[in-house]
Amino acid sequence: MTTCQEVVTEIRPAGGVVVGDDGSPAAGAALQYALGEARRRNTDLHVIRAWRIPTALSMTAPMGYVPALSELETAMREDLQDRVDRILGDPEDVKLHVHTVYASAARALIFASESADVVVVGSRGLGGFTSLLLGSVADQCTRHCVSPVIVVRPEQNSSSRESIGPAASLRRDGTA
């Protein structure tokens, strides 16, 4: 783990399943899929939320106030923990780790992939190009992660915004 001004800038888990979460429906499906994957592999689950000042400020700060990086990190971690608890509950059979990383999402996940067994991402996140089948973070992960990558799509016609959908697993060389 590397820090900058008392915030975490890199996560390097000792194996396990790594999943990225940005709060999107696809990330919710990825969380559920990753929990199942951690169970199948009998390993730890690491949930990572990457953040930057603009994304953190939009969630936590009133207009005109700029909190310290450590305050933003704490707010992001609390928000992520609440979401993970809401979606996954308290899985007693899997050791769950929640991480916030001050970095771009792709960078945080690619770095974590260097020591993870597998990385799980949603097919697309909260970006503005809603017609894309594969978002930029998922695309970067499939191209640059060291570990295998599983891309999860939420169900299209589901009543639950965070239902699990079909997944595809790609290796770094692009093969399935």
N, C-alpha and C. Protein backbone atom coordinates (compact mmCIF):
# COMPACT_ATOMS: atom_id res chain seq x y z
N MET A 1 0.85 -1.16 0.00
CA MET A 1 0.00 0.00 0.00
C MET A 1 0.90 1.23 0.00
N THR A 2 0.62 2.15 -0.90
CA THR A 2 1.37 3.39 -0.99
C THR A 2 0.44 4.54 -0.62
N THR A 3 0.96 5.54 0.10
CA THR A 3 0.13 6.68 0.49
C THR A 3 0.73 7.98 -0.01
N CYS A 4 -0.12 8.99 -0.16
CA CYS A 4 0.27 10.33 -0.57
C CYS A 4 -0.50 11.29 0.31
N GLN A 5 0.19 12.13 1.07
CA GLN A 5 -0.46 13.06 1.98
C GLN A 5 -1.51 12.34 2.83
N GLU A 6 -1.15 11.18 3.33
CA GLU A 6 -1.99 10.39 4.22
C GLU A 6 -3.22 9.79 3.58
N VAL A 7 -3.26 9.63 2.27
CA VAL A 7 -4.33 8.88 1.62
C VAL A 7 -3.70 7.75 0.82
N VAL A 8 -4.45 6.68 0.62
CA VAL A 8 -3.96 5.51 -0.09
C VAL A 8 -3.99 5.79 -1.59
N THR A 9 -2.87 5.53 -2.26
CA THR A 9 -2.79 5.76 -3.70
C THR A 9 -2.61 4.46 -4.49
N GLU A 10 -2.34 3.36 -3.82
CA GLU A 10 -2.19 2.06 -4.48
C GLU A 10 -2.57 0.96 -3.50
N ILE A 11 -3.19 -0.09 -4.02
CA ILE A 11 -3.51 -1.28 -3.23
C ILE A 11 -2.89 -2.47 -3.93
N ARG A 12 -2.20 -3.28 -3.18
CA ARG A 12 -1.63 -4.51 -3.72
C ARG A 12 -2.04 -5.65 -2.79
N PRO A 13 -3.20 -6.27 -3.06
CA PRO A 13 -3.66 -7.36 -2.19
C PRO A 13 -2.77 -8.59 -2.36
N ALA A 14 -2.74 -9.42 -1.35
CA ALA A 14 -1.98 -10.67 -1.41
C ALA A 14 -2.88 -11.75 -1.98
N GLY A 15 -3.13 -11.68 -3.29
CA GLY A 15 -4.02 -12.63 -3.94
C GLY A 15 -5.47 -12.24 -3.75
N GLY A 16 -6.36 -13.17 -4.01
CA GLY A 16 -7.78 -12.94 -3.84
C GLY A 16 -8.44 -12.35 -5.07
N VAL A 17 -9.73 -12.11 -4.91
CA VAL A 17 -10.55 -11.53 -5.97
C VAL A 17 -10.63 -10.02 -5.72
N VAL A 18 -10.34 -9.23 -6.74
CA VAL A 18 -10.44 -7.77 -6.68
C VAL A 18 -11.62 -7.36 -7.54
N VAL A 19 -12.47 -6.48 -6.99
CA VAL A 19 -13.60 -5.97 -7.75
C VAL A 19 -13.63 -4.45 -7.62
N GLY A 20 -13.86 -3.78 -8.74
CA GLY A 20 -13.99 -2.33 -8.73
C GLY A 20 -15.45 -1.93 -8.56
N ASP A 21 -15.69 -0.87 -7.78
CA ASP A 21 -17.05 -0.40 -7.57
C ASP A 21 -17.10 1.12 -7.68
N ASP A 22 -17.92 1.63 -8.59
CA ASP A 22 -18.09 3.07 -8.73
C ASP A 22 -19.51 3.51 -8.39
N GLY A 23 -20.31 2.59 -7.88
CA GLY A 23 -21.68 2.93 -7.53
C GLY A 23 -22.69 2.68 -8.63
N SER A 24 -22.27 2.20 -9.78
CA SER A 24 -23.17 1.97 -10.91
C SER A 24 -23.88 0.63 -10.78
N PRO A 25 -24.98 0.45 -11.54
CA PRO A 25 -25.66 -0.85 -11.54
C PRO A 25 -24.74 -1.99 -12.00
N ALA A 26 -23.90 -1.75 -13.00
CA ALA A 26 -22.98 -2.79 -13.46
C ALA A 26 -21.97 -3.15 -12.37
N ALA A 27 -21.54 -2.16 -11.59
CA ALA A 27 -20.61 -2.44 -10.49
C ALA A 27 -21.32 -3.24 -9.40
N GLY A 28 -22.61 -2.99 -9.19
CA GLY A 28 -23.38 -3.80 -8.23
C GLY A 28 -23.43 -5.25 -8.65
N ALA A 29 -23.65 -5.48 -9.93
CA ALA A 29 -23.65 -6.86 -10.46
C ALA A 29 -22.25 -7.47 -10.32
N ALA A 30 -21.22 -6.66 -10.57
CA ALA A 30 -19.85 -7.15 -10.43
C ALA A 30 -19.55 -7.52 -8.98
N LEU A 31 -20.04 -6.73 -8.02
CA LEU A 31 -19.86 -7.06 -6.60
C LEU A 31 -20.45 -8.43 -6.28
N GLN A 32 -21.67 -8.67 -6.73
CA GLN A 32 -22.32 -9.95 -6.47
C GLN A 32 -21.56 -11.10 -7.12
N TYR A 33 -21.15 -10.89 -8.36
CA TYR A 33 -20.41 -11.93 -9.07
C TYR A 33 -19.08 -12.20 -8.37
N ALA A 34 -18.40 -11.14 -7.94
CA ALA A 34 -17.10 -11.28 -7.29
C ALA A 34 -17.21 -12.05 -5.97
N LEU A 35 -18.30 -11.84 -5.24
CA LEU A 35 -18.50 -12.59 -4.00
C LEU A 35 -18.60 -14.08 -4.32
N GLY A 36 -19.37 -14.42 -5.33
CA GLY A 36 -19.47 -15.82 -5.75
C GLY A 36 -18.13 -16.38 -6.20
N GLU A 37 -17.36 -15.56 -6.91
CA GLU A 37 -16.03 -15.99 -7.38
C GLU A 37 -15.10 -16.23 -6.19
N ALA A 38 -15.15 -15.36 -5.20
CA ALA A 38 -14.32 -15.54 -3.99
C ALA A 38 -14.72 -16.82 -3.26
N ARG A 39 -16.01 -17.10 -3.22
CA ARG A 39 -16.47 -18.36 -2.59
C ARG A 39 -15.95 -19.56 -3.36
N ARG A 40 -16.06 -19.53 -4.69
CA ARG A 40 -15.60 -20.65 -5.51
C ARG A 40 -14.11 -20.90 -5.34
N ARG A 41 -13.36 -19.81 -5.19
CA ARG A 41 -11.90 -19.92 -5.07
C ARG A 41 -11.45 -20.06 -3.62
N ASN A 42 -12.39 -19.91 -2.68
CA ASN A 42 -12.08 -19.96 -1.25
C ASN A 42 -10.97 -18.97 -0.90
N THR A 43 -11.22 -17.71 -1.26
CA THR A 43 -10.22 -16.67 -1.07
C THR A 43 -10.87 -15.36 -0.62
N ASP A 44 -10.07 -14.37 -0.34
CA ASP A 44 -10.54 -13.06 0.11
C ASP A 44 -11.14 -12.26 -1.05
N LEU A 45 -12.03 -11.33 -0.70
CA LEU A 45 -12.62 -10.41 -1.67
C LEU A 45 -12.19 -8.99 -1.31
N HIS A 46 -11.59 -8.30 -2.28
CA HIS A 46 -11.13 -6.92 -2.11
C HIS A 46 -11.98 -6.02 -2.99
N VAL A 47 -12.75 -5.13 -2.37
CA VAL A 47 -13.58 -4.17 -3.10
C VAL A 47 -12.82 -2.85 -3.14
N ILE A 48 -12.62 -2.34 -4.34
CA ILE A 48 -11.85 -1.10 -4.51
C ILE A 48 -12.72 -0.02 -5.12
N ARG A 49 -12.73 1.14 -4.48
CA ARG A 49 -13.34 2.33 -5.07
C ARG A 49 -12.23 3.35 -5.29
N ALA A 50 -11.97 3.67 -6.54
CA ALA A 50 -11.01 4.72 -6.87
C ALA A 50 -11.75 6.05 -6.81
N TRP A 51 -11.02 7.08 -6.42
CA TRP A 51 -11.66 8.39 -6.32
C TRP A 51 -10.66 9.49 -6.64
N ARG A 52 -11.20 10.62 -7.02
CA ARG A 52 -10.47 11.86 -7.25
C ARG A 52 -11.25 12.98 -6.56
N ILE A 53 -10.65 14.12 -6.43
CA ILE A 53 -11.31 15.22 -5.72
C ILE A 53 -12.68 15.57 -6.32
N PRO A 54 -12.84 15.71 -7.63
CA PRO A 54 -14.17 16.06 -8.16
C PRO A 54 -15.25 15.03 -7.81
N THR A 55 -14.94 13.74 -7.89
CA THR A 55 -15.94 12.73 -7.57
C THR A 55 -16.25 12.71 -6.07
N ALA A 56 -15.25 12.92 -5.25
CA ALA A 56 -15.46 12.93 -3.80
C ALA A 56 -16.22 14.17 -3.37
N LEU A 57 -15.90 15.32 -3.93
CA LEU A 57 -16.58 16.56 -3.55
C LEU A 57 -18.05 16.53 -3.92
N SER A 58 -18.38 15.92 -5.03
CA SER A 58 -19.78 15.87 -5.44
C SER A 58 -20.62 15.07 -4.47
N MET A 59 -19.98 14.20 -3.69
CA MET A 59 -20.73 13.36 -2.76
C MET A 59 -20.74 13.92 -1.33
N THR A 60 -19.73 14.69 -0.96
CA THR A 60 -19.54 14.92 0.46
C THR A 60 -19.50 16.37 0.93
N ALA A 61 -19.19 17.30 0.08
CA ALA A 61 -18.89 18.64 0.58
C ALA A 61 -19.91 19.67 0.13
N PRO A 62 -20.26 20.59 1.03
CA PRO A 62 -21.11 21.70 0.61
C PRO A 62 -20.32 22.65 -0.29
N MET A 63 -21.02 23.40 -1.09
CA MET A 63 -20.39 24.35 -2.01
C MET A 63 -19.50 25.32 -1.24
N GLY A 64 -18.29 25.53 -1.74
CA GLY A 64 -17.38 26.50 -1.15
C GLY A 64 -16.45 25.93 -0.09
N TYR A 65 -16.64 24.69 0.30
CA TYR A 65 -15.78 24.07 1.32
C TYR A 65 -14.98 22.95 0.68
N VAL A 66 -13.67 22.97 0.86
CA VAL A 66 -12.82 21.92 0.34
C VAL A 66 -12.18 21.19 1.52
N PRO A 67 -12.66 19.99 1.83
CA PRO A 67 -12.10 19.25 2.95
C PRO A 67 -10.71 18.71 2.64
N ALA A 68 -10.02 18.29 3.68
CA ALA A 68 -8.70 17.67 3.51
C ALA A 68 -8.86 16.34 2.78
N LEU A 69 -7.79 15.91 2.11
CA LEU A 69 -7.83 14.63 1.40
C LEU A 69 -8.22 13.49 2.33
N SER A 70 -7.71 13.50 3.55
CA SER A 70 -8.04 12.42 4.48
C SER A 70 -9.53 12.40 4.83
N GLU A 71 -10.16 13.59 4.90
CA GLU A 71 -11.61 13.64 5.15
C GLU A 71 -12.39 13.08 3.96
N LEU A 72 -11.95 13.42 2.77
CA LEU A 72 -12.60 12.90 1.57
C LEU A 72 -12.46 11.38 1.51
N GLU A 73 -11.27 10.89 1.81
CA GLU A 73 -11.03 9.45 1.78
C GLU A 73 -11.95 8.73 2.79
N THR A 74 -12.08 9.28 3.98
CA THR A 74 -12.95 8.69 5.00
C THR A 74 -14.39 8.66 4.52
N ALA A 75 -14.86 9.75 3.94
CA ALA A 75 -16.23 9.81 3.43
C ALA A 75 -16.45 8.79 2.31
N MET A 76 -15.48 8.66 1.42
CA MET A 76 -15.59 7.69 0.32
C MET A 76 -15.61 6.26 0.87
N ARG A 77 -14.76 5.97 1.84
CA ARG A 77 -14.70 4.63 2.43
C ARG A 77 -16.03 4.29 3.13
N GLU A 78 -16.59 5.26 3.87
CA GLU A 78 -17.87 5.03 4.55
C GLU A 78 -18.98 4.78 3.54
N ASP A 79 -19.00 5.55 2.45
CA ASP A 79 -20.00 5.38 1.41
C ASP A 79 -19.86 4.00 0.77
N LEU A 80 -18.63 3.60 0.47
CA LEU A 80 -18.39 2.29 -0.13
C LEU A 80 -18.80 1.17 0.83
N GLN A 81 -18.43 1.30 2.10
CA GLN A 81 -18.79 0.26 3.08
C GLN A 81 -20.31 0.12 3.18
N ASP A 82 -21.03 1.24 3.19
CA ASP A 82 -22.49 1.20 3.24
C ASP A 82 -23.06 0.47 2.03
N ARG A 83 -22.52 0.78 0.86
CA ARG A 83 -23.00 0.13 -0.38
C ARG A 83 -22.70 -1.36 -0.36
N VAL A 84 -21.49 -1.73 0.03
CA VAL A 84 -21.12 -3.15 0.08
C VAL A 84 -22.02 -3.88 1.07
N ASP A 85 -22.27 -3.30 2.22
CA ASP A 85 -23.15 -3.91 3.23
C ASP A 85 -24.56 -4.09 2.66
N ARG A 86 -25.04 -3.09 1.93
CA ARG A 86 -26.39 -3.14 1.36
C ARG A 86 -26.49 -4.23 0.29
N ILE A 87 -25.47 -4.37 -0.55
CA ILE A 87 -25.53 -5.32 -1.66
C ILE A 87 -25.14 -6.73 -1.23
N LEU A 88 -24.08 -6.86 -0.44
CA LEU A 88 -23.56 -8.19 -0.09
C LEU A 88 -23.94 -8.66 1.30
N GLY A 89 -24.39 -7.75 2.14
CA GLY A 89 -24.65 -8.14 3.53
C GLY A 89 -23.33 -8.39 4.24
N ASP A 90 -23.34 -9.38 5.11
CA ASP A 90 -22.14 -9.74 5.86
C ASP A 90 -21.79 -11.19 5.54
N PRO A 91 -21.08 -11.42 4.44
CA PRO A 91 -20.76 -12.80 4.07
C PRO A 91 -19.77 -13.41 5.06
N GLU A 92 -20.25 -14.35 5.84
CA GLU A 92 -19.41 -14.95 6.88
C GLU A 92 -18.37 -15.90 6.33
N ASP A 93 -18.60 -16.40 5.11
CA ASP A 93 -17.70 -17.40 4.54
C ASP A 93 -16.58 -16.79 3.70
N VAL A 94 -16.57 -15.47 3.52
CA VAL A 94 -15.54 -14.80 2.72
C VAL A 94 -15.00 -13.62 3.51
N LYS A 95 -13.69 -13.51 3.57
CA LYS A 95 -13.08 -12.35 4.23
C LYS A 95 -13.14 -11.17 3.26
N LEU A 96 -13.81 -10.11 3.71
CA LEU A 96 -14.08 -8.95 2.86
C LEU A 96 -13.22 -7.77 3.27
N HIS A 97 -12.56 -7.15 2.28
CA HIS A 97 -11.72 -5.97 2.50
C HIS A 97 -12.27 -4.84 1.63
N VAL A 98 -12.48 -3.67 2.21
CA VAL A 98 -12.97 -2.51 1.48
C VAL A 98 -11.85 -1.48 1.42
N HIS A 99 -11.50 -1.05 0.20
CA HIS A 99 -10.39 -0.12 0.00
C HIS A 99 -10.85 1.08 -0.81
N THR A 100 -10.36 2.26 -0.46
CA THR A 100 -10.51 3.43 -1.32
C THR A 100 -9.11 3.85 -1.75
N VAL A 101 -9.00 4.21 -3.01
CA VAL A 101 -7.70 4.53 -3.60
C VAL A 101 -7.79 5.87 -4.31
N TYR A 102 -6.89 6.77 -3.97
CA TYR A 102 -6.83 8.08 -4.62
C TYR A 102 -6.07 7.92 -5.93
N ALA A 103 -6.82 7.57 -6.98
CA ALA A 103 -6.23 7.30 -8.31
C ALA A 103 -7.38 7.17 -9.30
N SER A 104 -7.04 7.09 -10.57
CA SER A 104 -8.08 6.77 -11.56
C SER A 104 -8.48 5.32 -11.35
N ALA A 105 -9.69 4.99 -11.73
CA ALA A 105 -10.19 3.63 -11.52
C ALA A 105 -9.34 2.60 -12.28
N ALA A 106 -9.03 2.89 -13.53
CA ALA A 106 -8.24 1.94 -14.32
C ALA A 106 -6.87 1.73 -13.68
N ARG A 107 -6.22 2.80 -13.27
CA ARG A 107 -4.89 2.69 -12.66
C ARG A 107 -4.94 1.87 -11.38
N ALA A 108 -5.93 2.13 -10.54
CA ALA A 108 -6.04 1.41 -9.27
C ALA A 108 -6.24 -0.08 -9.51
N LEU A 109 -7.10 -0.45 -10.44
CA LEU A 109 -7.38 -1.86 -10.70
C LEU A 109 -6.23 -2.56 -11.40
N ILE A 110 -5.59 -1.87 -12.33
CA ILE A 110 -4.45 -2.46 -13.03
C ILE A 110 -3.31 -2.71 -12.06
N PHE A 111 -3.06 -1.78 -11.17
CA PHE A 111 -2.01 -1.98 -10.16
C PHE A 111 -2.37 -3.14 -9.25
N ALA A 112 -3.62 -3.20 -8.79
CA ALA A 112 -4.05 -4.30 -7.90
C ALA A 112 -3.96 -5.65 -8.61
N SER A 113 -4.13 -5.66 -9.92
CA SER A 113 -4.10 -6.92 -10.68
C SER A 113 -2.74 -7.59 -10.65
N GLU A 114 -1.71 -6.82 -10.33
CA GLU A 114 -0.36 -7.38 -10.30
C GLU A 114 -0.20 -8.45 -9.22
N SER A 115 -1.04 -8.39 -8.18
CA SER A 115 -0.94 -9.39 -7.12
C SER A 115 -2.26 -10.13 -6.87
N ALA A 116 -3.32 -9.78 -7.59
CA ALA A 116 -4.63 -10.42 -7.41
C ALA A 116 -4.70 -11.71 -8.21
N ASP A 117 -5.61 -12.60 -7.81
CA ASP A 117 -5.85 -13.82 -8.59
C ASP A 117 -6.71 -13.52 -9.80
N VAL A 118 -7.66 -12.60 -9.65
CA VAL A 118 -8.56 -12.22 -10.74
C VAL A 118 -9.14 -10.85 -10.40
N VAL A 119 -9.47 -10.08 -11.44
CA VAL A 119 -10.13 -8.77 -11.29
C VAL A 119 -11.51 -8.87 -11.92
N VAL A 120 -12.51 -8.35 -11.21
CA VAL A 120 -13.89 -8.34 -11.70
C VAL A 120 -14.32 -6.88 -11.84
N VAL A 121 -14.89 -6.54 -13.00
CA VAL A 121 -15.38 -5.19 -13.25
C VAL A 121 -16.74 -5.25 -13.90
N GLY A 122 -17.52 -4.19 -13.71
CA GLY A 122 -18.77 -4.06 -14.43
C GLY A 122 -18.49 -3.68 -15.87
N SER A 123 -19.42 -3.98 -16.75
CA SER A 123 -19.21 -3.71 -18.17
C SER A 123 -19.08 -2.23 -18.48
N ARG A 124 -19.76 -1.41 -17.71
CA ARG A 124 -19.64 0.04 -17.88
C ARG A 124 -20.10 0.71 -16.61
N GLY A 125 -19.52 1.86 -16.33
CA GLY A 125 -19.79 2.54 -15.07
C GLY A 125 -20.68 3.75 -15.24
N LEU A 126 -20.28 4.82 -14.59
CA LEU A 126 -21.10 6.03 -14.54
C LEU A 126 -20.73 7.06 -15.60
N GLY A 127 -19.88 6.69 -16.55
CA GLY A 127 -19.45 7.62 -17.59
C GLY A 127 -20.61 8.08 -18.46
N GLY A 128 -20.36 9.11 -19.24
CA GLY A 128 -21.42 9.76 -20.00
C GLY A 128 -21.83 9.08 -21.29
N PHE A 129 -21.08 8.10 -21.76
CA PHE A 129 -21.40 7.47 -23.05
C PHE A 129 -22.23 6.21 -22.81
N THR A 130 -23.51 6.39 -22.58
CA THR A 130 -24.38 5.30 -22.16
C THR A 130 -24.62 4.26 -23.26
N SER A 131 -24.35 4.58 -24.50
CA SER A 131 -24.58 3.62 -25.58
C SER A 131 -23.44 2.61 -25.71
N LEU A 132 -22.32 2.85 -25.04
CA LEU A 132 -21.20 1.92 -25.13
C LEU A 132 -21.51 0.62 -24.41
N LEU A 133 -21.13 -0.51 -25.02
CA LEU A 133 -21.30 -1.80 -24.36
C LEU A 133 -20.21 -2.04 -23.33
N LEU A 134 -19.05 -1.46 -23.56
CA LEU A 134 -17.92 -1.64 -22.65
C LEU A 134 -17.38 -0.26 -22.31
N GLY A 135 -17.36 0.06 -21.03
CA GLY A 135 -16.86 1.36 -20.58
C GLY A 135 -15.34 1.43 -20.64
N SER A 136 -14.82 2.61 -20.42
CA SER A 136 -13.37 2.83 -20.55
C SER A 136 -12.56 2.07 -19.51
N VAL A 137 -13.06 1.96 -18.27
CA VAL A 137 -12.31 1.24 -17.23
C VAL A 137 -12.26 -0.24 -17.55
N ALA A 138 -13.40 -0.82 -17.92
CA ALA A 138 -13.42 -2.24 -18.29
C ALA A 138 -12.50 -2.49 -19.48
N ASP A 139 -12.53 -1.59 -20.45
CA ASP A 139 -11.66 -1.72 -21.62
C ASP A 139 -10.19 -1.68 -21.22
N GLN A 140 -9.80 -0.72 -20.40
CA GLN A 140 -8.41 -0.62 -19.96
C GLN A 140 -7.99 -1.85 -19.15
N CYS A 141 -8.88 -2.34 -18.31
CA CYS A 141 -8.56 -3.53 -17.51
C CYS A 141 -8.34 -4.76 -18.40
N THR A 142 -9.20 -4.95 -19.40
CA THR A 142 -9.03 -6.12 -20.26
C THR A 142 -7.74 -6.02 -21.08
N ARG A 143 -7.28 -4.82 -21.32
CA ARG A 143 -6.05 -4.64 -22.10
C ARG A 143 -4.78 -4.68 -21.26
N HIS A 144 -4.85 -4.23 -20.00
CA HIS A 144 -3.61 -4.01 -19.25
C HIS A 144 -3.46 -4.76 -17.93
N CYS A 145 -4.52 -5.37 -17.41
CA CYS A 145 -4.38 -6.10 -16.15
C CYS A 145 -3.48 -7.31 -16.32
N VAL A 146 -2.72 -7.60 -15.29
CA VAL A 146 -1.82 -8.75 -15.30
C VAL A 146 -2.62 -10.03 -15.06
N SER A 147 -3.56 -9.98 -14.13
CA SER A 147 -4.38 -11.16 -13.81
C SER A 147 -5.52 -11.28 -14.83
N PRO A 148 -6.21 -12.42 -14.84
CA PRO A 148 -7.41 -12.52 -15.68
C PRO A 148 -8.44 -11.48 -15.23
N VAL A 149 -9.31 -11.08 -16.16
CA VAL A 149 -10.34 -10.08 -15.89
C VAL A 149 -11.69 -10.67 -16.24
N ILE A 150 -12.66 -10.51 -15.35
CA ILE A 150 -14.04 -10.92 -15.60
C ILE A 150 -14.87 -9.66 -15.72
N VAL A 151 -15.57 -9.51 -16.85
CA VAL A 151 -16.43 -8.35 -17.09
C VAL A 151 -17.87 -8.79 -16.92
N VAL A 152 -18.60 -8.11 -16.03
CA VAL A 152 -19.97 -8.49 -15.69
C VAL A 152 -20.94 -7.43 -16.19
N ARG A 153 -22.00 -7.89 -16.84
CA ARG A 153 -23.06 -7.00 -17.30
C ARG A 153 -24.30 -7.18 -16.45
N PRO A 154 -24.95 -6.09 -16.03
CA PRO A 154 -26.20 -6.26 -15.28
C PRO A 154 -27.30 -6.76 -16.20
N GLU A 155 -28.30 -7.42 -15.63
CA GLU A 155 -29.46 -7.87 -16.41
C GLU A 155 -30.13 -6.65 -17.02
N GLN A 156 -30.52 -6.74 -18.25
CA GLN A 156 -31.16 -5.61 -18.93
C GLN A 156 -32.61 -5.42 -18.51
N ASN A 157 -33.35 -6.50 -18.27
CA ASN A 157 -34.78 -6.41 -17.98
C ASN A 157 -35.10 -6.80 -16.54
N SER A 158 -34.18 -6.57 -15.64
CA SER A 158 -34.39 -6.97 -14.25
C SER A 158 -35.01 -5.83 -13.46
N SER A 159 -35.83 -6.19 -12.47
CA SER A 159 -36.41 -5.16 -11.62
C SER A 159 -35.38 -4.65 -10.62
N SER A 160 -34.34 -5.45 -10.33
CA SER A 160 -33.30 -5.03 -9.40
C SER A 160 -32.19 -4.34 -10.18
N ARG A 161 -31.81 -3.15 -9.75
CA ARG A 161 -30.74 -2.41 -10.42
C ARG A 161 -29.40 -3.08 -10.23
N GLU A 162 -29.29 -3.97 -9.25
CA GLU A 162 -28.00 -4.55 -8.94
C GLU A 162 -28.01 -6.06 -9.09
N SER A 163 -28.74 -6.55 -10.11
CA SER A 163 -28.79 -7.98 -10.34
C SER A 163 -27.55 -8.44 -11.09
N ILE A 164 -27.31 -9.73 -11.01
CA ILE A 164 -26.12 -10.27 -11.65
C ILE A 164 -26.44 -10.60 -13.09
N GLY A 165 -25.49 -10.44 -13.97
CA GLY A 165 -25.72 -10.72 -15.37
C GLY A 165 -24.62 -11.58 -15.95
N PRO A 166 -24.67 -11.79 -17.26
CA PRO A 166 -23.66 -12.60 -17.92
C PRO A 166 -22.27 -12.01 -17.73
N ALA A 167 -21.29 -12.86 -17.73
CA ALA A 167 -19.91 -12.41 -17.53
C ALA A 167 -19.02 -13.01 -18.60
N ALA A 168 -17.96 -12.33 -18.90
CA ALA A 168 -16.95 -12.85 -19.81
C ALA A 168 -15.61 -12.68 -19.13
N SER A 169 -14.76 -13.68 -19.26
CA SER A 169 -13.45 -13.61 -18.64
C SER A 169 -12.41 -13.55 -19.75
N LEU A 170 -11.53 -12.56 -19.67
CA LEU A 170 -10.48 -12.41 -20.66
C LEU A 170 -9.13 -12.37 -19.99
N ARG A 171 -8.16 -13.00 -20.63
CA ARG A 171 -6.79 -12.92 -20.16
C ARG A 171 -6.16 -11.66 -20.75
N ARG A 172 -4.98 -11.33 -20.27
CA ARG A 172 -4.29 -10.12 -20.73
C ARG A 172 -4.09 -10.10 -22.23
N ASP A 173 -3.87 -11.28 -22.84
CA ASP A 173 -3.64 -11.33 -24.29
C ASP A 173 -4.93 -11.26 -25.08
N GLY A 174 -6.09 -11.10 -24.39
CA GLY A 174 -7.36 -10.95 -25.07
C GLY A 174 -8.08 -12.26 -25.32
N THR A 175 -7.51 -13.38 -24.93
CA THR A 175 -8.17 -14.66 -25.12
C THR A 175 -9.11 -14.96 -23.97
N ALA A 176 -10.10 -15.77 -24.22
CA ALA A 176 -11.07 -16.13 -23.16
C ALA A 176 -10.55 -17.28 -22.31
